[in-house]
Amino acid sequence: DVIGIAAFRGGDILGMAGASADSAMFWQIGIDVLPEARGLSIGKILVTRLRDEILMRDRVPYYGTATSHMLSQNVAIVSGFRPAWAELTTRQLQD
C-alpha cells in the first residue's frame, strides 16, 4: 500500500483502509472492518476519506470487489463509487 487510514476506539483498531498503486495513475482501495464494528459507518468514512486524499494527489481511486461480496459493494456505493466494469473468469469442465 502507498497510503492508509485507520479508525480507532481507545487504542483498538476498528477498521483500516489502504490504497495500492496498481499503476502510476490508478490506486485501488481496500478496506477491512472488524465484525464487531460493522454498522457504525466506519467503512464508509475510511473509504471516503481515502478516496478524497487520493484525488488530492491527482490519482484515480477505484474500488474493486467480488460480485458475491455484497457488504463490500455496499461500502463502495455509499462511498461514492459506481460499477464501471466487471471481470469474468471461466474454466473448461472436465468430461
PDB file of N, CA and C in Angstrom:
ATOM      1  N   ASP A   1       0.831  -1.188   0.000  1.00  0.00           N
ATOM      2  CA  ASP A   1       0.000   0.000   0.000  1.00  0.00           C
ATOM      3  C   ASP A   1       0.875   1.251   0.000  1.00  0.00           C
ATOM      4  N   VAL A   2       0.361   2.288  -0.631  1.00  0.00           N
ATOM      5  CA  VAL A   2       1.093   3.550  -0.678  1.00  0.00           C
ATOM      6  C   VAL A   2       0.517   4.585   0.275  1.00  0.00           C
ATOM      7  N   ILE A   3      -0.695   4.350   0.755  1.00  0.00           N
ATOM      8  CA  ILE A   3      -1.334   5.268   1.696  1.00  0.00           C
ATOM      9  C   ILE A   3      -2.389   4.479   2.464  1.00  0.00           C
ATOM     10  N   GLY A   4      -2.624   4.846   3.714  1.00  0.00           N
ATOM     11  CA  GLY A   4      -3.614   4.140   4.511  1.00  0.00           C
ATOM     12  C   GLY A   4      -4.218   5.029   5.574  1.00  0.00           C
ATOM     13  N   ILE A   5      -5.309   4.550   6.142  1.00  0.00           N
ATOM     14  CA  ILE A   5      -6.030   5.257   7.191  1.00  0.00           C
ATOM     15  C   ILE A   5      -6.655   4.207   8.105  1.00  0.00           C
ATOM     16  N   ALA A   6      -6.804   4.545   9.384  1.00  0.00           N
ATOM     17  CA  ALA A   6      -7.390   3.601  10.342  1.00  0.00           C
ATOM     18  C   ALA A   6      -8.361   4.325  11.260  1.00  0.00           C
ATOM     19  N   ALA A   7      -9.318   3.567  11.782  1.00  0.00           N
ATOM     20  CA  ALA A   7     -10.259   4.073  12.784  1.00  0.00           C
ATOM     21  C   ALA A   7      -9.966   3.354  14.095  1.00  0.00           C
ATOM     22  N   PHE A   8      -9.928   4.127  15.173  1.00  0.00           N
ATOM     23  CA  PHE A   8      -9.609   3.585  16.492  1.00  0.00           C
ATOM     24  C   PHE A   8     -10.730   3.871  17.484  1.00  0.00           C
ATOM     25  N   ARG A   9     -10.873   2.999  18.450  1.00  0.00           N
ATOM     26  CA  ARG A   9     -11.666   3.257  19.657  1.00  0.00           C
ATOM     27  C   ARG A   9     -10.716   2.991  20.811  1.00  0.00           C
ATOM     28  N   GLY A  10     -10.361   4.066  21.514  1.00  0.00           N
ATOM     29  CA  GLY A  10      -9.311   3.927  22.516  1.00  0.00           C
ATOM     30  C   GLY A  10      -8.031   3.576  21.787  1.00  0.00           C
ATOM     31  N   GLY A  11      -7.393   2.506  22.173  1.00  0.00           N
ATOM     32  CA  GLY A  11      -6.187   2.067  21.482  1.00  0.00           C
ATOM     33  C   GLY A  11      -6.427   0.932  20.513  1.00  0.00           C
ATOM     34  N   ASP A  12      -7.687   0.562  20.301  1.00  0.00           N
ATOM     35  CA  ASP A  12      -8.009  -0.582  19.452  1.00  0.00           C
ATOM     36  C   ASP A  12      -8.371  -0.145  18.037  1.00  0.00           C
ATOM     37  N   ILE A  13      -7.802  -0.826  17.057  1.00  0.00           N
ATOM     38  CA  ILE A  13      -8.150  -0.567  15.659  1.00  0.00           C
ATOM     39  C   ILE A  13      -9.493  -1.221  15.367  1.00  0.00           C
ATOM     40  N   LEU A  14     -10.421  -0.434  14.809  1.00  0.00           N
ATOM     41  CA  LEU A  14     -11.731  -0.949  14.417  1.00  0.00           C
ATOM     42  C   LEU A  14     -11.790  -1.269  12.929  1.00  0.00           C
ATOM     43  N   GLY A  15     -11.021  -0.536  12.145  1.00  0.00           N
ATOM     44  CA  GLY A  15     -11.016  -0.746  10.703  1.00  0.00           C
ATOM     45  C   GLY A  15      -9.851  -0.028  10.068  1.00  0.00           C
ATOM     46  N   MET A  16      -9.482  -0.506   8.885  1.00  0.00           N
ATOM     47  CA  MET A  16      -8.378   0.104   8.139  1.00  0.00           C
ATOM     48  C   MET A  16      -8.720   0.094   6.658  1.00  0.00           C
ATOM     49  N   ALA A  17      -8.247   1.122   5.960  1.00  0.00           N
ATOM     50  CA  ALA A  17      -8.353   1.174   4.505  1.00  0.00           C
ATOM     51  C   ALA A  17      -6.987   1.560   3.965  1.00  0.00           C
ATOM     52  N   GLY A  18      -6.642   0.990   2.841  1.00  0.00           N
ATOM     53  CA  GLY A  18      -5.372   1.304   2.211  1.00  0.00           C
ATOM     54  C   GLY A  18      -5.544   1.365   0.707  1.00  0.00           C
ATOM     55  N   ALA A  19      -4.587   1.975   0.045  1.00  0.00           N
ATOM     56  CA  ALA A  19      -4.610   2.050  -1.414  1.00  0.00           C
ATOM     57  C   ALA A  19      -3.292   1.534  -1.963  1.00  0.00           C
ATOM     58  N   SER A  20      -3.395   0.707  -2.974  1.00  0.00           N
ATOM     59  CA  SER A  20      -2.209   0.217  -3.669  1.00  0.00           C
ATOM     60  C   SER A  20      -2.116   0.913  -5.020  1.00  0.00           C
ATOM     61  N   ALA A  21      -0.909   1.249  -5.422  1.00  0.00           N
ATOM     62  CA  ALA A  21      -0.692   1.891  -6.720  1.00  0.00           C
ATOM     63  C   ALA A  21      -0.615   0.793  -7.774  1.00  0.00           C
ATOM     64  N   ASP A  22      -1.773   0.429  -8.300  1.00  0.00           N
ATOM     65  CA  ASP A  22      -1.807  -0.632  -9.303  1.00  0.00           C
ATOM     66  C   ASP A  22      -1.217  -0.175 -10.634  1.00  0.00           C
ATOM     67  N   SER A  23      -1.152   1.134 -10.828  1.00  0.00           N
ATOM     68  CA  SER A  23      -0.439   1.743 -11.950  1.00  0.00           C
ATOM     69  C   SER A  23      -0.036   3.139 -11.499  1.00  0.00           C
ATOM     70  N   ALA A  24       0.603   3.882 -12.369  1.00  0.00           N
ATOM     71  CA  ALA A  24       1.043   5.224 -11.988  1.00  0.00           C
ATOM     72  C   ALA A  24      -0.132   6.133 -11.637  1.00  0.00           C
ATOM     73  N   MET A  25      -1.274   5.943 -12.291  1.00  0.00           N
ATOM     74  CA  MET A  25      -2.422   6.828 -12.079  1.00  0.00           C
ATOM     75  C   MET A  25      -3.561   6.201 -11.276  1.00  0.00           C
ATOM     76  N   PHE A  26      -3.724   4.884 -11.325  1.00  0.00           N
ATOM     77  CA  PHE A  26      -4.871   4.226 -10.717  1.00  0.00           C
ATOM     78  C   PHE A  26      -4.486   3.556  -9.402  1.00  0.00           C
ATOM     79  N   TRP A  27      -5.118   4.010  -8.322  1.00  0.00           N
ATOM     80  CA  TRP A  27      -4.872   3.456  -6.997  1.00  0.00           C
ATOM     81  C   TRP A  27      -6.120   2.729  -6.521  1.00  0.00           C
ATOM     82  N   GLN A  28      -5.956   1.456  -6.172  1.00  0.00           N
ATOM     83  CA  GLN A  28      -7.078   0.630  -5.734  1.00  0.00           C
ATOM     84  C   GLN A  28      -7.217   0.677  -4.216  1.00  0.00           C
ATOM     85  N   ILE A  29      -8.450   0.895  -3.780  1.00  0.00           N
ATOM     86  CA  ILE A  29      -8.754   0.973  -2.350  1.00  0.00           C
ATOM     87  C   ILE A  29      -9.193  -0.394  -1.838  1.00  0.00           C
ATOM     88  N   GLY A  30      -8.660  -0.774  -0.674  1.00  0.00           N
ATOM     89  CA  GLY A  30      -9.091  -1.969   0.035  1.00  0.00           C
ATOM     90  C   GLY A  30      -9.490  -1.582   1.449  1.00  0.00           C
ATOM     91  N   ILE A  31     -10.414  -2.323   2.036  1.00  0.00           N
ATOM     92  CA  ILE A  31     -10.955  -1.968   3.357  1.00  0.00           C
ATOM     93  C   ILE A  31     -11.189  -3.231   4.172  1.00  0.00           C
ATOM     94  N   ASP A  32     -11.010  -3.119   5.471  1.00  0.00           N
ATOM     95  CA  ASP A  32     -11.390  -4.201   6.386  1.00  0.00           C
ATOM     96  C   ASP A  32     -11.850  -3.570   7.692  1.00  0.00           C
ATOM     97  N   VAL A  33     -12.998  -4.011   8.164  1.00  0.00           N
ATOM     98  CA  VAL A  33     -13.576  -3.528   9.419  1.00  0.00           C
ATOM     99  C   VAL A  33     -13.865  -4.745  10.285  1.00  0.00           C
ATOM    100  N   LEU A  34     -13.513  -4.657  11.565  1.00  0.00           N
ATOM    101  CA  LEU A  34     -13.789  -5.768  12.477  1.00  0.00           C
ATOM    102  C   LEU A  34     -15.291  -6.052  12.523  1.00  0.00           C
ATOM    103  N   PRO A  35     -15.668  -7.323  12.617  1.00  0.00           N
ATOM    104  CA  PRO A  35     -17.095  -7.666  12.650  1.00  0.00           C
ATOM    105  C   PRO A  35     -17.873  -6.919  13.733  1.00  0.00           C
ATOM    106  N   GLU A  36     -17.276  -6.753  14.899  1.00  0.00           N
ATOM    107  CA  GLU A  36     -17.990  -6.080  15.992  1.00  0.00           C
ATOM    108  C   GLU A  36     -18.132  -4.575  15.768  1.00  0.00           C
ATOM    109  N   ALA A  37     -17.438  -4.023  14.779  1.00  0.00           N
ATOM    110  CA  ALA A  37     -17.519  -2.586  14.481  1.00  0.00           C
ATOM    111  C   ALA A  37     -18.372  -2.299  13.248  1.00  0.00           C
ATOM    112  N   ARG A  38     -18.918  -3.334  12.638  1.00  0.00           N
ATOM    113  CA  ARG A  38     -19.754  -3.131  11.451  1.00  0.00           C
ATOM    114  C   ARG A  38     -21.072  -2.485  11.850  1.00  0.00           C
ATOM    115  N   GLY A  39     -21.614  -1.704  10.942  1.00  0.00           N
ATOM    116  CA  GLY A  39     -22.856  -0.990  11.213  1.00  0.00           C
ATOM    117  C   GLY A  39     -22.638   0.385  11.811  1.00  0.00           C
ATOM    118  N   LEU A  40     -21.381   0.795  11.980  1.00  0.00           N
ATOM    119  CA  LEU A  40     -21.058   2.105  12.558  1.00  0.00           C
ATOM    120  C   LEU A  40     -20.602   3.102  11.492  1.00  0.00           C
ATOM    121  N   SER A  41     -20.726   2.743  10.224  1.00  0.00           N
ATOM    122  CA  SER A  41     -20.308   3.569   9.078  1.00  0.00           C
ATOM    123  C   SER A  41     -18.797   3.764   9.001  1.00  0.00           C
ATOM    124  N   ILE A  42     -18.038   2.921   9.677  1.00  0.00           N
ATOM    125  CA  ILE A  42     -16.578   3.048   9.651  1.00  0.00           C
ATOM    126  C   ILE A  42     -16.035   2.817   8.246  1.00  0.00           C
ATOM    127  N   GLY A  43     -16.541   1.810   7.558  1.00  0.00           N
ATOM    128  CA  GLY A  43     -16.092   1.545   6.196  1.00  0.00           C
ATOM    129  C   GLY A  43     -16.323   2.734   5.288  1.00  0.00           C
ATOM    130  N   LYS A  44     -17.516   3.290   5.343  1.00  0.00           N
ATOM    131  CA  LYS A  44     -17.845   4.458   4.519  1.00  0.00           C
ATOM    132  C   LYS A  44     -16.920   5.633   4.831  1.00  0.00           C
ATOM    133  N   ILE A  45     -16.723   5.915   6.095  1.00  0.00           N
ATOM    134  CA  ILE A  45     -15.881   7.049   6.495  1.00  0.00           C
ATOM    135  C   ILE A  45     -14.443   6.855   6.014  1.00  0.00           C
ATOM    136  N   LEU A  46     -13.879   5.674   6.245  1.00  0.00           N
ATOM    137  CA  LEU A  46     -12.494   5.422   5.852  1.00  0.00           C
ATOM    138  C   LEU A  46     -12.315   5.470   4.339  1.00  0.00           C
ATOM    139  N   VAL A  47     -13.213   4.815   3.615  1.00  0.00           N
ATOM    140  CA  VAL A  47     -13.092   4.776   2.156  1.00  0.00           C
ATOM    141  C   VAL A  47     -13.283   6.169   1.562  1.00  0.00           C
ATOM    142  N   THR A  48     -14.242   6.922   2.076  1.00  0.00           N
ATOM    143  CA  THR A  48     -14.488   8.273   1.562  1.00  0.00           C
ATOM    144  C   THR A  48     -13.289   9.186   1.811  1.00  0.00           C
ATOM    145  N   ARG A  49     -12.732   9.130   3.001  1.00  0.00           N
ATOM    146  CA  ARG A  49     -11.560   9.974   3.297  1.00  0.00           C
ATOM    147  C   ARG A  49     -10.351   9.567   2.468  1.00  0.00           C
ATOM    148  N   LEU A  50     -10.160   8.271   2.302  1.00  0.00           N
ATOM    149  CA  LEU A  50      -9.042   7.800   1.487  1.00  0.00           C
ATOM    150  C   LEU A  50      -9.247   8.194   0.025  1.00  0.00           C
ATOM    151  N   ARG A  51     -10.466   8.043  -0.476  1.00  0.00           N
ATOM    152  CA  ARG A  51     -10.787   8.467  -1.845  1.00  0.00           C
ATOM    153  C   ARG A  51     -10.431   9.941  -2.050  1.00  0.00           C
ATOM    154  N   ASP A  52     -10.857  10.781  -1.113  1.00  0.00           N
ATOM    155  CA  ASP A  52     -10.598  12.218  -1.223  1.00  0.00           C
ATOM    156  C   ASP A  52      -9.100  12.528  -1.210  1.00  0.00           C
ATOM    157  N   GLU A  53      -8.353  11.828  -0.376  1.00  0.00           N
ATOM    158  CA  GLU A  53      -6.899  12.037  -0.314  1.00  0.00           C
ATOM    159  C   GLU A  53      -6.234  11.617  -1.624  1.00  0.00           C
ATOM    160  N   ILE A  54      -6.681  10.518  -2.196  1.00  0.00           N
ATOM    161  CA  ILE A  54      -6.128  10.056  -3.475  1.00  0.00           C
ATOM    162  C   ILE A  54      -6.404  11.082  -4.569  1.00  0.00           C
ATOM    163  N   LEU A  55      -7.615  11.620  -4.599  1.00  0.00           N
ATOM    164  CA  LEU A  55      -7.955  12.645  -5.587  1.00  0.00           C
ATOM    165  C   LEU A  55      -7.093  13.891  -5.415  1.00  0.00           C
ATOM    166  N   MET A  56      -6.818  14.271  -4.158  1.00  0.00           N
ATOM    167  CA  MET A  56      -5.965  15.439  -3.914  1.00  0.00           C
ATOM    168  C   MET A  56      -4.543  15.211  -4.421  1.00  0.00           C
ATOM    169  N   ARG A  57      -4.150  13.950  -4.541  1.00  0.00           N
ATOM    170  CA  ARG A  57      -2.815  13.614  -5.054  1.00  0.00           C
ATOM    171  C   ARG A  57      -2.828  13.425  -6.573  1.00  0.00           C
ATOM    172  N   ASP A  58      -3.940  13.828  -7.202  1.00  0.00           N
ATOM    173  CA  ASP A  58      -4.102  13.733  -8.661  1.00  0.00           C
ATOM    174  C   ASP A  58      -3.981  12.309  -9.182  1.00  0.00           C
ATOM    175  N   ARG A  59      -4.532  11.374  -8.428  1.00  0.00           N
ATOM    176  CA  ARG A  59      -4.595   9.978  -8.848  1.00  0.00           C
ATOM    177  C   ARG A  59      -6.066   9.578  -8.961  1.00  0.00           C
ATOM    178  N   VAL A  60      -6.318   8.465  -9.626  1.00  0.00           N
ATOM    179  CA  VAL A  60      -7.681   7.976  -9.813  1.00  0.00           C
ATOM    180  C   VAL A  60      -7.931   6.845  -8.825  1.00  0.00           C
ATOM    181  N   PRO A  61      -8.830   7.065  -7.845  1.00  0.00           N
ATOM    182  CA  PRO A  61      -9.144   5.991  -6.908  1.00  0.00           C
ATOM    183  C   PRO A  61     -10.172   5.040  -7.521  1.00  0.00           C
ATOM    184  N   TYR A  62     -10.000   3.766  -7.251  1.00  0.00           N
ATOM    185  CA  TYR A  62     -11.054   2.825  -7.629  1.00  0.00           C
ATOM    186  C   TYR A  62     -11.151   1.745  -6.566  1.00  0.00           C
ATOM    187  N   TYR A  63     -12.308   1.104  -6.540  1.00  0.00           N
ATOM    188  CA  TYR A  63     -12.645   0.145  -5.500  1.00  0.00           C
ATOM    189  C   TYR A  63     -13.017  -1.150  -6.201  1.00  0.00           C
ATOM    190  N   GLY A  64     -12.224  -2.180  -6.007  1.00  0.00           N
ATOM    191  CA  GLY A  64     -12.505  -3.470  -6.615  1.00  0.00           C
ATOM    192  C   GLY A  64     -13.018  -4.458  -5.582  1.00  0.00           C
ATOM    193  N   THR A  65     -14.024  -5.226  -5.958  1.00  0.00           N
ATOM    194  CA  THR A  65     -14.576  -6.237  -5.061  1.00  0.00           C
ATOM    195  C   THR A  65     -15.229  -7.339  -5.883  1.00  0.00           C
ATOM    196  N   ALA A  66     -15.464  -8.464  -5.264  1.00  0.00           N
ATOM    197  CA  ALA A  66     -16.128  -9.579  -5.935  1.00  0.00           C
ATOM    198  C   ALA A  66     -17.627  -9.310  -6.036  1.00  0.00           C
ATOM    199  N   THR A  67     -18.228  -9.785  -7.109  1.00  0.00           N
ATOM    200  CA  THR A  67     -19.670  -9.588  -7.268  1.00  0.00           C
ATOM    201  C   THR A  67     -20.460 -10.272  -6.161  1.00  0.00           C
ATOM    202  N   SER A  68     -19.897 -11.285  -5.556  1.00  0.00           N
ATOM    203  CA  SER A  68     -20.593 -12.004  -4.483  1.00  0.00           C
ATOM    204  C   SER A  68     -20.453 -11.333  -3.120  1.00  0.00           C
ATOM    205  N   HIS A  69     -19.610 -10.324  -3.011  1.00  0.00           N
ATOM    206  CA  HIS A  69     -19.345  -9.683  -1.713  1.00  0.00           C
ATOM    207  C   HIS A  69     -20.221  -8.440  -1.566  1.00  0.00           C
ATOM    208  N   MET A  70     -21.473  -8.650  -1.176  1.00  0.00           N
ATOM    209  CA  MET A  70     -22.453  -7.564  -1.120  1.00  0.00           C
ATOM    210  C   MET A  70     -22.099  -6.496  -0.084  1.00  0.00           C
ATOM    211  N   LEU A  71     -21.553  -6.887   1.064  1.00  0.00           N
ATOM    212  CA  LEU A  71     -21.173  -5.888   2.068  1.00  0.00           C
ATOM    213  C   LEU A  71     -20.128  -4.929   1.508  1.00  0.00           C
ATOM    214  N   SER A  72     -19.149  -5.468   0.811  1.00  0.00           N
ATOM    215  CA  SER A  72     -18.105  -4.638   0.224  1.00  0.00           C
ATOM    216  C   SER A  72     -18.673  -3.751  -0.881  1.00  0.00           C
ATOM    217  N   GLN A  73     -19.556  -4.295  -1.699  1.00  0.00           N
ATOM    218  CA  GLN A  73     -20.188  -3.491  -2.743  1.00  0.00           C
ATOM    219  C   GLN A  73     -20.968  -2.330  -2.141  1.00  0.00           C
ATOM    220  N   ASN A  74     -21.665  -2.577  -1.042  1.00  0.00           N
ATOM    221  CA  ASN A  74     -22.426  -1.514  -0.383  1.00  0.00           C
ATOM    222  C   ASN A  74     -21.511  -0.415   0.140  1.00  0.00           C
ATOM    223  N   VAL A  75     -20.373  -0.782   0.715  1.00  0.00           N
ATOM    224  CA  VAL A  75     -19.414   0.226   1.183  1.00  0.00           C
ATOM    225  C   VAL A  75     -18.964   1.086   0.004  1.00  0.00           C
ATOM    226  N   ALA A  76     -18.666   0.464  -1.112  1.00  0.00           N
ATOM    227  CA  ALA A  76     -18.229   1.215  -2.291  1.00  0.00           C
ATOM    228  C   ALA A  76     -19.307   2.196  -2.742  1.00  0.00           C
ATOM    229  N   ILE A  77     -20.535   1.749  -2.822  1.00  0.00           N
ATOM    230  CA  ILE A  77     -21.628   2.597  -3.310  1.00  0.00           C
ATOM    231  C   ILE A  77     -21.887   3.769  -2.375  1.00  0.00           C
ATOM    232  N   VAL A  78     -21.952   3.524  -1.058  1.00  0.00           N
ATOM    233  CA  VAL A  78     -22.214   4.635  -0.128  1.00  0.00           C
ATOM    234  C   VAL A  78     -21.019   5.578  -0.024  1.00  0.00           C
ATOM    235  N   SER A  79     -19.859   5.140  -0.531  1.00  0.00           N
ATOM    236  CA  SER A  79     -18.664   5.987  -0.536  1.00  0.00           C
ATOM    237  C   SER A  79     -18.511   6.748  -1.851  1.00  0.00           C
ATOM    238  N   GLY A  80     -19.495   6.617  -2.729  1.00  0.00           N
ATOM    239  CA  GLY A  80     -19.493   7.390  -3.962  1.00  0.00           C
ATOM    240  C   GLY A  80     -18.988   6.679  -5.200  1.00  0.00           C
ATOM    241  N   PHE A  81     -18.662   5.399  -5.089  1.00  0.00           N
ATOM    242  CA  PHE A  81     -18.198   4.651  -6.252  1.00  0.00           C
ATOM    243  C   PHE A  81     -19.385   4.010  -6.959  1.00  0.00           C
ATOM    244  N   ARG A  82     -19.249   3.818  -8.263  1.00  0.00           N
ATOM    245  CA  ARG A  82     -20.271   3.168  -9.071  1.00  0.00           C
ATOM    246  C   ARG A  82     -19.614   2.068  -9.892  1.00  0.00           C
ATOM    247  N   PRO A  83     -20.357   0.993 -10.176  1.00  0.00           N
ATOM    248  CA  PRO A  83     -19.784  -0.070 -11.010  1.00  0.00           C
ATOM    249  C   PRO A  83     -19.367   0.481 -12.372  1.00  0.00           C
ATOM    250  N   ALA A  84     -18.162   0.138 -12.792  1.00  0.00           N
ATOM    251  CA  ALA A  84     -17.654   0.629 -14.072  1.00  0.00           C
ATOM    252  C   ALA A  84     -17.282  -0.518 -15.014  1.00  0.00           C
ATOM    253  N   TRP A  85     -16.862  -1.635 -14.467  1.00  0.00           N
ATOM    254  CA  TRP A  85     -16.548  -2.790 -15.292  1.00  0.00           C
ATOM    255  C   TRP A  85     -16.658  -4.040 -14.441  1.00  0.00           C
ATOM    256  N   ALA A  86     -16.740  -5.168 -15.123  1.00  0.00           N
ATOM    257  CA  ALA A  86     -16.803  -6.460 -14.438  1.00  0.00           C
ATOM    258  C   ALA A  86     -15.798  -7.394 -15.100  1.00  0.00           C
ATOM    259  N   GLU A  87     -15.286  -8.305 -14.316  1.00  0.00           N
ATOM    260  CA  GLU A  87     -14.332  -9.288 -14.821  1.00  0.00           C
ATOM    261  C   GLU A  87     -14.921 -10.667 -14.588  1.00  0.00           C
ATOM    262  N   LEU A  88     -14.854 -11.504 -15.591  1.00  0.00           N
ATOM    263  CA  LEU A  88     -15.389 -12.848 -15.504  1.00  0.00           C
ATOM    264  C   LEU A  88     -14.300 -13.828 -15.903  1.00  0.00           C
ATOM    265  N   THR A  89     -14.116 -14.845 -15.094  1.00  0.00           N
ATOM    266  CA  THR A  89     -13.163 -15.891 -15.451  1.00  0.00           C
ATOM    267  C   THR A  89     -13.921 -17.205 -15.581  1.00  0.00           C
ATOM    268  N   THR A  90     -13.471 -18.036 -16.483  1.00  0.00           N
ATOM    269  CA  THR A  90     -14.115 -19.330 -16.704  1.00  0.00           C
ATOM    270  C   THR A  90     -13.044 -20.406 -16.802  1.00  0.00           C
ATOM    271  N   ARG A  91     -13.496 -21.613 -16.691  1.00  0.00           N
ATOM    272  CA  ARG A  91     -12.606 -22.743 -16.941  1.00  0.00           C
ATOM    273  C   ARG A  91     -13.426 -23.848 -17.582  1.00  0.00           C
ATOM    274  N   GLN A  92     -12.789 -24.640 -18.375  1.00  0.00           N
ATOM    275  CA  GLN A  92     -13.464 -25.710 -19.080  1.00  0.00           C
ATOM    276  C   GLN A  92     -13.750 -26.857 -18.122  1.00  0.00           C
ATOM    277  N   LEU A  93     -14.960 -27.385 -18.192  1.00  0.00           N
ATOM    278  CA  LEU A  93     -15.320 -28.539 -17.374  1.00  0.00           C
ATOM    279  C   LEU A  93     -14.665 -29.792 -17.943  1.00  0.00           C
ATOM    280  N   GLN A  94     -14.228 -30.646 -17.061  1.00  0.00           N
ATOM    281  CA  GLN A  94     -13.629 -31.908 -17.488  1.00  0.00           C
ATOM    282  C   GLN A  94     -14.736 -32.910 -17.774  1.00  0.00           C
ATOM    283  N   ASP A  95     -14.560 -33.696 -18.841  1.00  0.00           N
ATOM    284  CA  ASP A  95     -15.552 -34.737 -19.182  1.00  0.00           C
ATOM    285  C   ASP A  95     -15.498 -35.885 -18.226  1.00  0.00           C
TER     286      ASP A  95
END
